Amino acid sequence: MTDFMKSVIHVVDSHRGVYSAQYFAERFGYEIRNQCPDLAQDIDELLAGPEGNSQYFESWIRVLDEGSVTDLGTGDRWIIHESEGIYLALDTLEWCEGCDWFRGPECGECARWAA
């Protein structure tokens, strides 16, 4: 993984003072453990944070590649956008050919930049 990729993943949530991956693990860790049990160890690594944790970034890549959360109430599937720390409902987004990411119908702009 390049330093650039690590820096993108290593974004701090300014409101909570934690990294995006840690926030994701706090928010969705329970659901990920239940719906993707193979990723339970990766959630533990994310909760531990990046300092002195050689598995942090690899765990985050696995969770991003393999993990999604299904809201059992609505059936919506959610993923996280690693560089912004925002959550995207897959069922309510359309693909933007311009930036190769999802466009949010509520704002009409690419979800990648709509924080």
PDB file of N, CA and C in Angstrom:
ATOM      1  N   MET A   1       0.837  -1.173   0.000  1.00  0.00           N
ATOM      2  CA  MET A   1       0.000   0.000   0.000  1.00  0.00           C
ATOM      3  C   MET A   1       0.885   1.241   0.000  1.00  0.00           C
ATOM      4  N   THR A   2       0.528   2.211  -0.810  1.00  0.00           N
ATOM      5  CA  THR A   2       1.347   3.415  -0.906  1.00  0.00           C
ATOM      6  C   THR A   2       1.102   4.335   0.284  1.00  0.00           C
ATOM      7  N   ASP A   3       2.040   5.258   0.514  1.00  0.00           N
ATOM      8  CA  ASP A   3       1.864   6.243   1.579  1.00  0.00           C
ATOM      9  C   ASP A   3       0.630   7.094   1.325  1.00  0.00           C
ATOM     10  N   PHE A   4       0.364   7.379   0.046  1.00  0.00           N
ATOM     11  CA  PHE A   4      -0.824   8.164  -0.276  1.00  0.00           C
ATOM     12  C   PHE A   4      -2.087   7.436   0.173  1.00  0.00           C
ATOM     13  N   MET A   5      -2.167   6.135  -0.124  1.00  0.00           N
ATOM     14  CA  MET A   5      -3.341   5.373   0.287  1.00  0.00           C
ATOM     15  C   MET A   5      -3.489   5.392   1.795  1.00  0.00           C
ATOM     16  N   LYS A   6      -2.363   5.235   2.497  1.00  0.00           N
ATOM     17  CA  LYS A   6      -2.436   5.265   3.954  1.00  0.00           C
ATOM     18  C   LYS A   6      -2.915   6.618   4.450  1.00  0.00           C
ATOM     19  N   SER A   7      -2.446   7.690   3.819  1.00  0.00           N
ATOM     20  CA  SER A   7      -2.853   9.015   4.281  1.00  0.00           C
ATOM     21  C   SER A   7      -4.333   9.251   4.020  1.00  0.00           C
ATOM     22  N   VAL A   8      -4.857   8.704   2.937  1.00  0.00           N
ATOM     23  CA  VAL A   8      -6.282   8.840   2.654  1.00  0.00           C
ATOM     24  C   VAL A   8      -7.098   8.099   3.700  1.00  0.00           C
ATOM     25  N   ILE A   9      -6.666   6.914   4.047  1.00  0.00           N
ATOM     26  CA  ILE A   9      -7.387   6.111   5.025  1.00  0.00           C
ATOM     27  C   ILE A   9      -7.253   6.700   6.424  1.00  0.00           C
ATOM     28  N   HIS A  10      -6.166   7.406   6.660  1.00  0.00           N
ATOM     29  CA  HIS A  10      -5.797   7.884   7.984  1.00  0.00           C
ATOM     30  C   HIS A  10      -6.413   9.258   8.266  1.00  0.00           C
ATOM     31  N   VAL A  11      -7.682   9.425   7.952  1.00  0.00           N
ATOM     32  CA  VAL A  11      -8.375  10.696   8.140  1.00  0.00           C
ATOM     33  C   VAL A  11      -8.971  10.736   9.542  1.00  0.00           C
ATOM     34  N   VAL A  12      -8.805  11.859  10.216  1.00  0.00           N
ATOM     35  CA  VAL A  12      -9.361  12.008  11.558  1.00  0.00           C
ATOM     36  C   VAL A  12     -10.738  12.658  11.465  1.00  0.00           C
ATOM     37  N   ASP A  13     -11.708  12.072  12.160  1.00  0.00           N
ATOM     38  CA  ASP A  13     -13.033  12.669  12.269  1.00  0.00           C
ATOM     39  C   ASP A  13     -12.917  13.856  13.215  1.00  0.00           C
ATOM     40  N   SER A  14     -13.071  15.050  12.699  1.00  0.00           N
ATOM     41  CA  SER A  14     -12.811  16.246  13.496  1.00  0.00           C
ATOM     42  C   SER A  14     -13.791  16.409  14.649  1.00  0.00           C
ATOM     43  N   HIS A  15     -14.964  15.852  14.534  1.00  0.00           N
ATOM     44  CA  HIS A  15     -15.948  16.000  15.598  1.00  0.00           C
ATOM     45  C   HIS A  15     -15.660  15.079  16.771  1.00  0.00           C
ATOM     46  N   ARG A  16     -15.153  13.906  16.479  1.00  0.00           N
ATOM     47  CA  ARG A  16     -14.949  12.914  17.537  1.00  0.00           C
ATOM     48  C   ARG A  16     -13.485  12.713  17.891  1.00  0.00           C
ATOM     49  N   GLY A  17     -12.590  13.207  17.052  1.00  0.00           N
ATOM     50  CA  GLY A  17     -11.172  13.047  17.333  1.00  0.00           C
ATOM     51  C   GLY A  17     -10.663  11.629  17.170  1.00  0.00           C
ATOM     52  N   VAL A  18     -11.331  10.820  16.357  1.00  0.00           N
ATOM     53  CA  VAL A  18     -10.872   9.461  16.097  1.00  0.00           C
ATOM     54  C   VAL A  18     -10.721   9.285  14.590  1.00  0.00           C
ATOM     55  N   TYR A  19      -9.972   8.273  14.197  1.00  0.00           N
ATOM     56  CA  TYR A  19      -9.786   7.983  12.784  1.00  0.00           C
ATOM     57  C   TYR A  19     -11.058   7.394  12.191  1.00  0.00           C
ATOM     58  N   SER A  20     -11.243   7.589  10.905  1.00  0.00           N
ATOM     59  CA  SER A  20     -12.445   7.102  10.227  1.00  0.00           C
ATOM     60  C   SER A  20     -12.667   5.614  10.467  1.00  0.00           C
ATOM     61  N   ALA A  21     -11.606   4.842  10.362  1.00  0.00           N
ATOM     62  CA  ALA A  21     -11.744   3.393  10.531  1.00  0.00           C
ATOM     63  C   ALA A  21     -12.176   3.040  11.943  1.00  0.00           C
ATOM     64  N   GLN A  22     -11.622   3.737  12.936  1.00  0.00           N
ATOM     65  CA  GLN A  22     -12.027   3.475  14.314  1.00  0.00           C
ATOM     66  C   GLN A  22     -13.488   3.849  14.525  1.00  0.00           C
ATOM     67  N   TYR A  23     -13.889   4.977  13.969  1.00  0.00           N
ATOM     68  CA  TYR A  23     -15.280   5.406  14.099  1.00  0.00           C
ATOM     69  C   TYR A  23     -16.208   4.381  13.456  1.00  0.00           C
ATOM     70  N   PHE A  24     -15.832   3.900  12.273  1.00  0.00           N
ATOM     71  CA  PHE A  24     -16.622   2.883  11.599  1.00  0.00           C
ATOM     72  C   PHE A  24     -16.739   1.634  12.470  1.00  0.00           C
ATOM     73  N   ALA A  25     -15.629   1.206  13.067  1.00  0.00           N
ATOM     74  CA  ALA A  25     -15.649   0.010  13.910  1.00  0.00           C
ATOM     75  C   ALA A  25     -16.528   0.216  15.137  1.00  0.00           C
ATOM     76  N   GLU A  26     -16.478   1.419  15.707  1.00  0.00           N
ATOM     77  CA  GLU A  26     -17.335   1.707  16.855  1.00  0.00           C
ATOM     78  C   GLU A  26     -18.806   1.692  16.457  1.00  0.00           C
ATOM     79  N   ARG A  27     -19.086   2.293  15.318  1.00  0.00           N
ATOM     80  CA  ARG A  27     -20.479   2.458  14.893  1.00  0.00           C
ATOM     81  C   ARG A  27     -21.082   1.161  14.361  1.00  0.00           C
ATOM     82  N   PHE A  28     -20.310   0.402  13.567  1.00  0.00           N
ATOM     83  CA  PHE A  28     -20.847  -0.762  12.887  1.00  0.00           C
ATOM     84  C   PHE A  28     -20.196  -2.081  13.305  1.00  0.00           C
ATOM     85  N   GLY A  29     -19.333  -2.056  14.312  1.00  0.00           N
ATOM     86  CA  GLY A  29     -18.620  -3.269  14.708  1.00  0.00           C
ATOM     87  C   GLY A  29     -19.529  -4.429  15.053  1.00  0.00           C
ATOM     88  N   TYR A  30     -20.589  -4.159  15.802  1.00  0.00           N
ATOM     89  CA  TYR A  30     -21.510  -5.222  16.205  1.00  0.00           C
ATOM     90  C   TYR A  30     -22.162  -5.868  14.984  1.00  0.00           C
ATOM     91  N   GLU A  31     -22.648  -5.018  14.062  1.00  0.00           N
ATOM     92  CA  GLU A  31     -23.303  -5.542  12.866  1.00  0.00           C
ATOM     93  C   GLU A  31     -22.330  -6.303  11.980  1.00  0.00           C
ATOM     94  N   ILE A  32     -21.116  -5.778  11.840  1.00  0.00           N
ATOM     95  CA  ILE A  32     -20.111  -6.469  11.025  1.00  0.00           C
ATOM     96  C   ILE A  32     -19.804  -7.834  11.623  1.00  0.00           C
ATOM     97  N   ARG A  33     -19.634  -7.898  12.937  1.00  0.00           N
ATOM     98  CA  ARG A  33     -19.354  -9.190  13.584  1.00  0.00           C
ATOM     99  C   ARG A  33     -20.475 -10.192  13.311  1.00  0.00           C
ATOM    100  N   ASN A  34     -21.722  -9.727  13.355  1.00  0.00           N
ATOM    101  CA  ASN A  34     -22.857 -10.622  13.134  1.00  0.00           C
ATOM    102  C   ASN A  34     -23.034 -11.000  11.671  1.00  0.00           C
ATOM    103  N   GLN A  35     -22.841 -10.033  10.776  1.00  0.00           N
ATOM    104  CA  GLN A  35     -23.115 -10.280   9.367  1.00  0.00           C
ATOM    105  C   GLN A  35     -21.892 -10.757   8.590  1.00  0.00           C
ATOM    106  N   CYS A  36     -20.708 -10.442   9.076  1.00  0.00           N
ATOM    107  CA  CYS A  36     -19.453 -10.848   8.417  1.00  0.00           C
ATOM    108  C   CYS A  36     -18.505 -11.389   9.486  1.00  0.00           C
ATOM    109  N   PRO A  37     -18.800 -12.541  10.071  1.00  0.00           N
ATOM    110  CA  PRO A  37     -17.990 -13.025  11.190  1.00  0.00           C
ATOM    111  C   PRO A  37     -16.513 -13.212  10.861  1.00  0.00           C
ATOM    112  N   ASP A  38     -16.184 -13.414   9.601  1.00  0.00           N
ATOM    113  CA  ASP A  38     -14.776 -13.559   9.224  1.00  0.00           C
ATOM    114  C   ASP A  38     -13.990 -12.266   9.440  1.00  0.00           C
ATOM    115  N   LEU A  39     -14.685 -11.146   9.596  1.00  0.00           N
ATOM    116  CA  LEU A  39     -14.018  -9.855   9.772  1.00  0.00           C
ATOM    117  C   LEU A  39     -13.944  -9.422  11.236  1.00  0.00           C
ATOM    118  N   ALA A  40     -14.328 -10.287  12.165  1.00  0.00           N
ATOM    119  CA  ALA A  40     -14.335  -9.912  13.585  1.00  0.00           C
ATOM    120  C   ALA A  40     -12.949  -9.492  14.066  1.00  0.00           C
ATOM    121  N   GLN A  41     -11.915 -10.211  13.688  1.00  0.00           N
ATOM    122  CA  GLN A  41     -10.554  -9.852  14.092  1.00  0.00           C
ATOM    123  C   GLN A  41     -10.153  -8.498  13.509  1.00  0.00           C
ATOM    124  N   ASP A  42     -10.583  -8.230  12.286  1.00  0.00           N
ATOM    125  CA  ASP A  42     -10.282  -6.942  11.669  1.00  0.00           C
ATOM    126  C   ASP A  42     -10.951  -5.802  12.424  1.00  0.00           C
ATOM    127  N   ILE A  43     -12.169  -6.007  12.890  1.00  0.00           N
ATOM    128  CA  ILE A  43     -12.846  -4.981  13.695  1.00  0.00           C
ATOM    129  C   ILE A  43     -12.058  -4.721  14.968  1.00  0.00           C
ATOM    130  N   ASP A  44     -11.552  -5.775  15.596  1.00  0.00           N
ATOM    131  CA  ASP A  44     -10.723  -5.600  16.798  1.00  0.00           C
ATOM    132  C   ASP A  44      -9.487  -4.762  16.500  1.00  0.00           C
ATOM    133  N   GLU A  45      -8.860  -5.003  15.360  1.00  0.00           N
ATOM    134  CA  GLU A  45      -7.668  -4.232  14.979  1.00  0.00           C
ATOM    135  C   GLU A  45      -8.016  -2.757  14.773  1.00  0.00           C
ATOM    136  N   LEU A  46      -9.155  -2.486  14.171  1.00  0.00           N
ATOM    137  CA  LEU A  46      -9.566  -1.101  13.947  1.00  0.00           C
ATOM    138  C   LEU A  46      -9.858  -0.396  15.260  1.00  0.00           C
ATOM    139  N   LEU A  47     -10.509  -1.094  16.172  1.00  0.00           N
ATOM    140  CA  LEU A  47     -10.806  -0.500  17.471  1.00  0.00           C
ATOM    141  C   LEU A  47      -9.539  -0.193  18.251  1.00  0.00           C
ATOM    142  N   ALA A  48      -8.485  -0.973  18.010  1.00  0.00           N
ATOM    143  CA  ALA A  48      -7.211  -0.758  18.709  1.00  0.00           C
ATOM    144  C   ALA A  48      -6.501   0.495  18.218  1.00  0.00           C
ATOM    145  N   GLY A  49      -6.843   0.965  17.033  1.00  0.00           N
ATOM    146  CA  GLY A  49      -6.220   2.179  16.497  1.00  0.00           C
ATOM    147  C   GLY A  49      -4.915   1.882  15.785  1.00  0.00           C
ATOM    148  N   PRO A  50      -4.372   2.880  15.086  1.00  0.00           N
ATOM    149  CA  PRO A  50      -3.201   2.663  14.237  1.00  0.00           C
ATOM    150  C   PRO A  50      -1.856   2.708  14.951  1.00  0.00           C
ATOM    151  N   GLU A  51      -1.789   3.338  16.116  1.00  0.00           N
ATOM    152  CA  GLU A  51      -0.495   3.508  16.767  1.00  0.00           C
ATOM    153  C   GLU A  51       0.084   2.160  17.203  1.00  0.00           C
ATOM    154  N   GLY A  52       1.215   1.797  16.626  1.00  0.00           N
ATOM    155  CA  GLY A  52       1.876   0.548  16.972  1.00  0.00           C
ATOM    156  C   GLY A  52       1.133  -0.691  16.516  1.00  0.00           C
ATOM    157  N   ASN A  53       0.204  -0.549  15.612  1.00  0.00           N
ATOM    158  CA  ASN A  53      -0.625  -1.659  15.164  1.00  0.00           C
ATOM    159  C   ASN A  53      -0.357  -1.910  13.682  1.00  0.00           C
ATOM    160  N   SER A  54       0.455  -2.899  13.403  1.00  0.00           N
ATOM    161  CA  SER A  54       0.870  -3.157  12.018  1.00  0.00           C
ATOM    162  C   SER A  54      -0.265  -3.701  11.151  1.00  0.00           C
ATOM    163  N   GLN A  55      -1.331  -4.187  11.759  1.00  0.00           N
ATOM    164  CA  GLN A  55      -2.438  -4.768  10.996  1.00  0.00           C
ATOM    165  C   GLN A  55      -3.568  -3.785  10.713  1.00  0.00           C
ATOM    166  N   TYR A  56      -3.452  -2.567  11.249  1.00  0.00           N
ATOM    167  CA  TYR A  56      -4.547  -1.596  11.162  1.00  0.00           C
ATOM    168  C   TYR A  56      -4.981  -1.334   9.720  1.00  0.00           C
ATOM    169  N   PHE A  57      -4.034  -0.965   8.862  1.00  0.00           N
ATOM    170  CA  PHE A  57      -4.392  -0.608   7.492  1.00  0.00           C
ATOM    171  C   PHE A  57      -4.846  -1.826   6.693  1.00  0.00           C
ATOM    172  N   GLU A  58      -4.205  -2.965   6.898  1.00  0.00           N
ATOM    173  CA  GLU A  58      -4.610  -4.174   6.194  1.00  0.00           C
ATOM    174  C   GLU A  58      -6.027  -4.583   6.604  1.00  0.00           C
ATOM    175  N   SER A  59      -6.331  -4.416   7.884  1.00  0.00           N
ATOM    176  CA  SER A  59      -7.679  -4.737   8.358  1.00  0.00           C
ATOM    177  C   SER A  59      -8.714  -3.815   7.736  1.00  0.00           C
ATOM    178  N   TRP A  60      -8.374  -2.541   7.636  1.00  0.00           N
ATOM    179  CA  TRP A  60      -9.293  -1.572   7.047  1.00  0.00           C
ATOM    180  C   TRP A  60      -9.554  -1.903   5.580  1.00  0.00           C
ATOM    181  N   ILE A  61      -8.509  -2.274   4.844  1.00  0.00           N
ATOM    182  CA  ILE A  61      -8.676  -2.658   3.441  1.00  0.00           C
ATOM    183  C   ILE A  61      -9.604  -3.869   3.332  1.00  0.00           C
ATOM    184  N   ARG A  62      -9.420  -4.860   4.201  1.00  0.00           N
ATOM    185  CA  ARG A  62     -10.284  -6.048   4.155  1.00  0.00           C
ATOM    186  C   ARG A  62     -11.737  -5.678   4.454  1.00  0.00           C
ATOM    187  N   VAL A  63     -11.945  -4.836   5.468  1.00  0.00           N
ATOM    188  CA  VAL A  63     -13.312  -4.447   5.809  1.00  0.00           C
ATOM    189  C   VAL A  63     -13.951  -3.680   4.654  1.00  0.00           C
ATOM    190  N   LEU A  64     -13.187  -2.788   4.030  1.00  0.00           N
ATOM    191  CA  LEU A  64     -13.722  -2.030   2.898  1.00  0.00           C
ATOM    192  C   LEU A  64     -14.021  -2.935   1.710  1.00  0.00           C
ATOM    193  N   ASP A  65     -13.148  -3.908   1.464  1.00  0.00           N
ATOM    194  CA  ASP A  65     -13.321  -4.792   0.315  1.00  0.00           C
ATOM    195  C   ASP A  65     -14.429  -5.814   0.527  1.00  0.00           C
ATOM    196  N   GLU A  66     -14.528  -6.324   1.745  1.00  0.00           N
ATOM    197  CA  GLU A  66     -15.392  -7.471   1.992  1.00  0.00           C
ATOM    198  C   GLU A  66     -16.608  -7.162   2.838  1.00  0.00           C
ATOM    199  N   GLY A  67     -16.598  -6.026   3.518  1.00  0.00           N
ATOM    200  CA  GLY A  67     -17.659  -5.746   4.468  1.00  0.00           C
ATOM    201  C   GLY A  67     -18.664  -4.733   3.974  1.00  0.00           C
ATOM    202  N   SER A  68     -19.898  -5.008   4.229  1.00  0.00           N
ATOM    203  CA  SER A  68     -20.958  -4.022   4.078  1.00  0.00           C
ATOM    204  C   SER A  68     -21.953  -4.344   5.178  1.00  0.00           C
ATOM    205  N   VAL A  69     -22.772  -3.393   5.507  1.00  0.00           N
ATOM    206  CA  VAL A  69     -23.731  -3.578   6.580  1.00  0.00           C
ATOM    207  C   VAL A  69     -25.123  -3.468   5.989  1.00  0.00           C
ATOM    208  N   THR A  70     -25.976  -4.433   6.288  1.00  0.00           N
ATOM    209  CA  THR A  70     -27.361  -4.365   5.854  1.00  0.00           C
ATOM    210  C   THR A  70     -28.214  -3.946   7.032  1.00  0.00           C
ATOM    211  N   ASP A  71     -28.948  -2.851   6.874  1.00  0.00           N
ATOM    212  CA  ASP A  71     -29.884  -2.404   7.894  1.00  0.00           C
ATOM    213  C   ASP A  71     -31.054  -3.380   7.875  1.00  0.00           C
ATOM    214  N   LEU A  72     -31.206  -4.154   8.939  1.00  0.00           N
ATOM    215  CA  LEU A  72     -32.221  -5.196   8.949  1.00  0.00           C
ATOM    216  C   LEU A  72     -33.630  -4.613   8.965  1.00  0.00           C
ATOM    217  N   GLY A  73     -33.763  -3.350   9.380  1.00  0.00           N
ATOM    218  CA  GLY A  73     -35.071  -2.707   9.382  1.00  0.00           C
ATOM    219  C   GLY A  73     -35.514  -2.279   7.995  1.00  0.00           C
ATOM    220  N   THR A  74     -34.599  -1.700   7.225  1.00  0.00           N
ATOM    221  CA  THR A  74     -34.958  -1.160   5.907  1.00  0.00           C
ATOM    222  C   THR A  74     -34.474  -2.023   4.754  1.00  0.00           C
ATOM    223  N   GLY A  75     -33.466  -2.858   5.001  1.00  0.00           N
ATOM    224  CA  GLY A  75     -32.885  -3.656   3.929  1.00  0.00           C
ATOM    225  C   GLY A  75     -31.813  -2.932   3.147  1.00  0.00           C
ATOM    226  N   ASP A  76     -31.547  -1.643   3.472  1.00  0.00           N
ATOM    227  CA  ASP A  76     -30.498  -0.894   2.783  1.00  0.00           C
ATOM    228  C   ASP A  76     -29.133  -1.466   3.127  1.00  0.00           C
ATOM    229  N   ARG A  77     -28.264  -1.536   2.112  1.00  0.00           N
ATOM    230  CA  ARG A  77     -26.877  -1.944   2.344  1.00  0.00           C
ATOM    231  C   ARG A  77     -26.026  -0.694   2.417  1.00  0.00           C
ATOM    232  N   TRP A  78     -25.115  -0.658   3.391  1.00  0.00           N
ATOM    233  CA  TRP A  78     -24.264   0.509   3.608  1.00  0.00           C
ATOM    234  C   TRP A  78     -22.808   0.130   3.461  1.00  0.00           C
ATOM    235  N   ILE A  79     -22.039   1.036   2.865  1.00  0.00           N
ATOM    236  CA  ILE A  79     -20.591   0.906   2.839  1.00  0.00           C
ATOM    237  C   ILE A  79     -20.021   2.211   3.370  1.00  0.00           C
ATOM    238  N   ILE A  80     -18.756   2.211   3.657  1.00  0.00           N
ATOM    239  CA  ILE A  80     -18.109   3.438   4.086  1.00  0.00           C
ATOM    240  C   ILE A  80     -17.203   3.921   2.971  1.00  0.00           C
ATOM    241  N   HIS A  81     -17.139   5.227   2.814  1.00  0.00           N
ATOM    242  CA  HIS A  81     -16.182   5.802   1.872  1.00  0.00           C
ATOM    243  C   HIS A  81     -14.933   6.139   2.658  1.00  0.00           C
ATOM    244  N   GLU A  82     -13.834   5.465   2.340  1.00  0.00           N
ATOM    245  CA  GLU A  82     -12.664   5.504   3.204  1.00  0.00           C
ATOM    246  C   GLU A  82     -12.003   6.866   3.322  1.00  0.00           C
ATOM    247  N   SER A  83     -12.104   7.727   2.316  1.00  0.00           N
ATOM    248  CA  SER A  83     -11.378   8.987   2.407  1.00  0.00           C
ATOM    249  C   SER A  83     -12.184  10.093   3.060  1.00  0.00           C
ATOM    250  N   GLU A  84     -13.484   9.905   3.195  1.00  0.00           N
ATOM    251  CA  GLU A  84     -14.299  10.956   3.781  1.00  0.00           C
ATOM    252  C   GLU A  84     -14.938  10.538   5.095  1.00  0.00           C
ATOM    253  N   GLY A  85     -14.960   9.239   5.366  1.00  0.00           N
ATOM    254  CA  GLY A  85     -15.603   8.786   6.587  1.00  0.00           C
ATOM    255  C   GLY A  85     -17.111   8.962   6.549  1.00  0.00           C
ATOM    256  N   ILE A  86     -17.701   8.949   5.345  1.00  0.00           N
ATOM    257  CA  ILE A  86     -19.143   9.083   5.245  1.00  0.00           C
ATOM    258  C   ILE A  86     -19.741   7.744   4.862  1.00  0.00           C
ATOM    259  N   TYR A  87     -20.986   7.551   5.226  1.00  0.00           N
ATOM    260  CA  TYR A  87     -21.657   6.296   4.970  1.00  0.00           C
ATOM    261  C   TYR A  87     -22.599   6.470   3.791  1.00  0.00           C
ATOM    262  N   LEU A  88     -22.612   5.511   2.907  1.00  0.00           N
ATOM    263  CA  LEU A  88     -23.390   5.605   1.683  1.00  0.00           C
ATOM    264  C   LEU A  88     -24.376   4.451   1.608  1.00  0.00           C
ATOM    265  N   ALA A  89     -25.641   4.765   1.419  1.00  0.00           N
ATOM    266  CA  ALA A  89     -26.645   3.722   1.222  1.00  0.00           C
ATOM    267  C   ALA A  89     -26.604   3.311  -0.238  1.00  0.00           C
ATOM    268  N   LEU A  90     -26.183   2.099  -0.497  1.00  0.00           N
ATOM    269  CA  LEU A  90     -25.997   1.643  -1.873  1.00  0.00           C
ATOM    270  C   LEU A  90     -27.290   1.683  -2.670  1.00  0.00           C
ATOM    271  N   ASP A  91     -28.403   1.391  -2.019  1.00  0.00           N
ATOM    272  CA  ASP A  91     -29.666   1.309  -2.736  1.00  0.00           C
ATOM    273  C   ASP A  91     -30.204   2.672  -3.154  1.00  0.00           C
ATOM    274  N   THR A  92     -29.674   3.761  -2.614  1.00  0.00           N
ATOM    275  CA  THR A  92     -30.195   5.090  -2.936  1.00  0.00           C
ATOM    276  C   THR A  92     -29.203   5.913  -3.739  1.00  0.00           C
ATOM    277  N   LEU A  93     -28.142   5.281  -4.236  1.00  0.00           N
ATOM    278  CA  LEU A  93     -27.118   6.011  -4.967  1.00  0.00           C
ATOM    279  C   LEU A  93     -27.060   5.560  -6.414  1.00  0.00           C
ATOM    280  N   GLU A  94     -26.623   6.440  -7.271  1.00  0.00           N
ATOM    281  CA  GLU A  94     -26.369   6.076  -8.658  1.00  0.00           C
ATOM    282  C   GLU A  94     -24.905   6.354  -8.965  1.00  0.00           C
ATOM    283  N   TRP A  95     -24.400   5.666  -9.946  1.00  0.00           N
ATOM    284  CA  TRP A  95     -22.983   5.772 -10.298  1.00  0.00           C
ATOM    285  C   TRP A  95     -22.729   7.039 -11.093  1.00  0.00           C
ATOM    286  N   CYS A  96     -21.661   7.755 -10.767  1.00  0.00           N
ATOM    287  CA  CYS A  96     -21.266   8.951 -11.499  1.00  0.00           C
ATOM    288  C   CYS A  96     -20.108   8.582 -12.418  1.00  0.00           C
ATOM    289  N   GLU A  97     -20.322   8.672 -13.707  1.00  0.00           N
ATOM    290  CA  GLU A  97     -19.271   8.344 -14.666  1.00  0.00           C
ATOM    291  C   GLU A  97     -18.122   9.339 -14.596  1.00  0.00           C
ATOM    292  N   GLY A  98     -18.410  10.570 -14.179  1.00  0.00           N
ATOM    293  CA  GLY A  98     -17.385  11.610 -14.145  1.00  0.00           C
ATOM    294  C   GLY A  98     -16.261  11.329 -13.171  1.00  0.00           C
ATOM    295  N   CYS A  99     -16.611  10.827 -11.990  1.00  0.00           N
ATOM    296  CA  CYS A  99     -15.557  10.610 -10.994  1.00  0.00           C
ATOM    297  C   CYS A  99     -15.430   9.149 -10.589  1.00  0.00           C
ATOM    298  N   ASP A 100     -16.171   8.258 -11.246  1.00  0.00           N
ATOM    299  CA  ASP A 100     -16.135   6.834 -10.898  1.00  0.00           C
ATOM    300  C   ASP A 100     -16.470   6.599  -9.433  1.00  0.00           C
ATOM    301  N   TRP A 101     -17.503   7.247  -8.961  1.00  0.00           N
ATOM    302  CA  TRP A 101     -17.987   7.001  -7.603  1.00  0.00           C
ATOM    303  C   TRP A 101     -19.493   7.188  -7.607  1.00  0.00           C
ATOM    304  N   PHE A 102     -20.116   7.123  -6.451  1.00  0.00           N
ATOM    305  CA  PHE A 102     -21.559   7.230  -6.374  1.00  0.00           C
ATOM    306  C   PHE A 102     -22.017   8.679  -6.281  1.00  0.00           C
ATOM    307  N   ARG A 103     -23.150   8.975  -6.889  1.00  0.00           N
ATOM    308  CA  ARG A 103     -23.772  10.295  -6.789  1.00  0.00           C
ATOM    309  C   ARG A 103     -24.980  10.161  -5.871  1.00  0.00           C
ATOM    310  N   GLY A 104     -25.088  11.044  -4.903  1.00  0.00           N
ATOM    311  CA  GLY A 104     -26.221  11.014  -3.988  1.00  0.00           C
ATOM    312  C   GLY A 104     -27.411  11.762  -4.558  1.00  0.00           C
ATOM    313  N   PRO A 105     -28.576  11.126  -4.654  1.00  0.00           N
ATOM    314  CA  PRO A 105     -29.735  11.781  -5.260  1.00  0.00           C
ATOM    315  C   PRO A 105     -30.223  12.979  -4.461  1.00  0.00           C
ATOM    316  N   GLU A 106     -29.954  12.977  -3.161  1.00  0.00           N
ATOM    317  CA  GLU A 106     -30.438  14.066  -2.329  1.00  0.00           C
ATOM    318  C   GLU A 106     -29.701  15.372  -2.589  1.00  0.00           C
ATOM    319  N   CYS A 107     -28.464  15.300  -3.055  1.00  0.00           N
ATOM    320  CA  CYS A 107     -27.706  16.528  -3.292  1.00  0.00           C
ATOM    321  C   CYS A 107     -27.406  16.730  -4.773  1.00  0.00           C
ATOM    322  N   GLY A 108     -27.534  15.664  -5.585  1.00  0.00           N
ATOM    323  CA  GLY A 108     -27.270  15.789  -7.002  1.00  0.00           C
ATOM    324  C   GLY A 108     -25.802  15.885  -7.342  1.00  0.00           C
ATOM    325  N   GLU A 109     -24.934  15.831  -6.343  1.00  0.00           N
ATOM    326  CA  GLU A 109     -23.504  15.904  -6.593  1.00  0.00           C
ATOM    327  C   GLU A 109     -22.867  14.573  -6.239  1.00  0.00           C
ATOM    328  N   CYS A 110     -21.644  14.414  -6.644  1.00  0.00           N
ATOM    329  CA  CYS A 110     -20.948  13.172  -6.353  1.00  0.00           C
ATOM    330  C   CYS A 110     -20.820  13.004  -4.845  1.00  0.00           C
ATOM    331  N   ALA A 111     -21.213  11.847  -4.363  1.00  0.00           N
ATOM    332  CA  ALA A 111     -21.186  11.588  -2.925  1.00  0.00           C
ATOM    333  C   ALA A 111     -19.771  11.657  -2.376  1.00  0.00           C
ATOM    334  N   ARG A 112     -18.787  11.443  -3.232  1.00  0.00           N
ATOM    335  CA  ARG A 112     -17.400  11.494  -2.782  1.00  0.00           C
ATOM    336  C   ARG A 112     -17.079  12.861  -2.180  1.00  0.00           C
ATOM    337  N   TRP A 113     -17.677  13.915  -2.700  1.00  0.00           N
ATOM    338  CA  TRP A 113     -17.341  15.270  -2.240  1.00  0.00           C
ATOM    339  C   TRP A 113     -18.434  15.881  -1.384  1.00  0.00           C
ATOM    340  N   ALA A 114     -19.538  15.212  -1.222  1.00  0.00           N
ATOM    341  CA  ALA A 114     -20.637  15.765  -0.418  1.00  0.00           C
ATOM    342  C   ALA A 114     -20.531  15.252   1.004  1.00  0.00           C
ATOM    343  N   ALA A 115     -19.905  16.010   1.850  1.00  0.00           N
ATOM    344  CA  ALA A 115     -19.706  15.571   3.239  1.00  0.00           C
ATOM    345  C   ALA A 115     -20.829  16.076   4.122  1.00  0.00           C
TER     346      ALA A 115
END
